[in-house]
Each structure stands twice: as C-alpha cells, then as structure tokens.
C-alpha cells in the first residue's frame, strides 16, 4: 500500500507577545479534516472542511 501524506489546505498565523507566533494548519486525511497549531493545540477531526477552518480561526481569535 502506498504511503498517503496529508495535504495542507490552508495556514494562518497569530502573534502573541508572550507566546510567540501561532501557526495553524488545516490538513485532510481521508474523509476527515483536522486543524492544528504550532503551539500544540489541535481540534477534533471534522468531515466539514468549513468547520475545521472555523476551529482554526477561533483558536487564532482566542486571546487566552
């Protein structure tokens, strides 16, 4: 079986004075889409790409 690597579908960044840069990425794996961040945050797998993008946007907008 061939190795399947996830495809990045988008990235965004936020800079926090205390934490440094947040860099989110939305990745597709099979029929699921995952949002994650360089800070270690991640969202659950979603079948909806739009929901995964909203999860990432909400993380970037959250000051805490």
C-alpha atoms as a PDB file:
ATOM      1  CA  UNK A   1       0.000   0.000   0.000  1.00  0.00           C
ATOM      2  CA  UNK A   2       1.351   3.421  -0.927  1.00  0.00           C
ATOM      3  CA  UNK A   3       2.040   5.909   1.823  1.00  0.00           C
ATOM      4  CA  UNK A   4      -0.540   8.678   1.957  1.00  0.00           C
ATOM      5  CA  UNK A   5       0.599  12.001   3.309  1.00  0.00           C
ATOM      6  CA  UNK A   6      -1.955  14.591   4.417  1.00  0.00           C
ATOM      7  CA  UNK A   7      -2.361  17.614   2.203  1.00  0.00           C
ATOM      8  CA  UNK A   8      -2.285  21.056   3.797  1.00  0.00           C
ATOM      9  CA  UNK A   9      -5.348  23.032   2.759  1.00  0.00           C
ATOM     10  CA  UNK A  10      -4.541  26.314   4.476  1.00  0.00           C
ATOM     11  CA  UNK A  11      -2.489  28.113   7.075  1.00  0.00           C
ATOM     12  CA  UNK A  12      -2.886  31.252   9.175  1.00  0.00           C
ATOM     13  CA  UNK A  13      -0.804  32.968  11.843  1.00  0.00           C
ATOM     14  CA  UNK A  14      -1.271  34.980  15.029  1.00  0.00           C
ATOM     15  CA  UNK A  15       1.463  36.588  17.086  1.00  0.00           C
ATOM     16  CA  UNK A  16       1.158  36.790  20.864  1.00  0.00           C
ATOM     17  CA  UNK A  17       3.629  38.921  22.830  1.00  0.00           C
ATOM     18  CA  UNK A  18       4.087  36.197  25.471  1.00  0.00           C
ATOM     19  CA  UNK A  19       3.680  33.007  23.460  1.00  0.00           C
ATOM     20  CA  UNK A  20       5.295  33.918  20.150  1.00  0.00           C
ATOM     21  CA  UNK A  21       3.689  33.005  16.846  1.00  0.00           C
ATOM     22  CA  UNK A  22       0.716  30.694  16.442  1.00  0.00           C
ATOM     23  CA  UNK A  23       0.644  28.994  13.070  1.00  0.00           C
ATOM     24  CA  UNK A  24      -2.483  26.983  12.303  1.00  0.00           C
ATOM     25  CA  UNK A  25      -2.842  24.440   9.569  1.00  0.00           C
ATOM     26  CA  UNK A  26      -5.832  22.573   8.187  1.00  0.00           C
ATOM     27  CA  UNK A  27      -4.938  19.090   6.941  1.00  0.00           C
ATOM     28  CA  UNK A  28      -7.032  16.456   5.182  1.00  0.00           C
ATOM     29  CA  UNK A  29      -6.670  12.767   5.975  1.00  0.00           C
ATOM     30  CA  UNK A  30      -9.079  10.615   4.079  1.00  0.00           C
ATOM     31  CA  UNK A  31     -12.592  11.939   4.635  1.00  0.00           C
ATOM     32  CA  UNK A  32     -11.613  13.942   7.741  1.00  0.00           C
ATOM     33  CA  UNK A  33     -10.119  17.418   8.095  1.00  0.00           C
ATOM     34  CA  UNK A  34      -8.019  18.411  11.111  1.00  0.00           C
ATOM     35  CA  UNK A  35      -6.981  21.839  12.374  1.00  0.00           C
ATOM     36  CA  UNK A  36      -3.795  22.150  14.422  1.00  0.00           C
ATOM     37  CA  UNK A  37      -1.387  24.823  15.633  1.00  0.00           C
ATOM     38  CA  UNK A  38       2.362  25.046  16.187  1.00  0.00           C
ATOM     39  CA  UNK A  39       1.639  25.740  19.899  1.00  0.00           C
ATOM     40  CA  UNK A  40       0.332  22.174  20.329  1.00  0.00           C
ATOM     41  CA  UNK A  41      -3.386  22.926  20.088  1.00  0.00           C
ATOM     42  CA  UNK A  42      -5.492  20.706  17.822  1.00  0.00           C
ATOM     43  CA  UNK A  43      -9.160  20.308  17.005  1.00  0.00           C
ATOM     44  CA  UNK A  44     -11.041  17.038  16.567  1.00  0.00           C
ATOM     45  CA  UNK A  45     -11.341  15.567  13.091  1.00  0.00           C
ATOM     46  CA  UNK A  46     -14.201  17.037  11.088  1.00  0.00           C
ATOM     47  CA  UNK A  47     -15.948  15.877   7.957  1.00  0.00           C
ATOM     48  CA  UNK A  48     -16.696  19.523   7.183  1.00  0.00           C
ATOM     49  CA  UNK A  49     -13.721  21.483   5.850  1.00  0.00           C
ATOM     50  CA  UNK A  50     -15.510  24.714   6.751  1.00  0.00           C
ATOM     51  CA  UNK A  51     -15.894  23.621  10.388  1.00  0.00           C
ATOM     52  CA  UNK A  52     -12.197  22.738  10.605  1.00  0.00           C
ATOM     53  CA  UNK A  53     -11.315  26.175   9.199  1.00  0.00           C
ATOM     54  CA  UNK A  54     -13.647  27.809  11.746  1.00  0.00           C
ATOM     55  CA  UNK A  55     -11.968  25.823  14.547  1.00  0.00           C
ATOM     56  CA  UNK A  56      -8.586  27.205  13.448  1.00  0.00           C
ATOM     57  CA  UNK A  57      -9.951  30.764  13.124  1.00  0.00           C
ATOM     58  CA  UNK A  58     -11.493  30.556  16.603  1.00  0.00           C
ATOM     59  CA  UNK A  59      -8.158  29.405  18.024  1.00  0.00           C
ATOM     60  CA  UNK A  60      -6.384  32.355  16.412  1.00  0.00           C
ATOM     61  CA  UNK A  61      -9.021  34.781  17.671  1.00  0.00           C
ATOM     62  CA  UNK A  62      -8.957  33.415  21.256  1.00  0.00           C
ATOM     63  CA  UNK A  63      -6.701  35.663  23.365  1.00  0.00           C
ATOM     64  CA  UNK A  64      -6.343  33.003  26.078  1.00  0.00           C
END
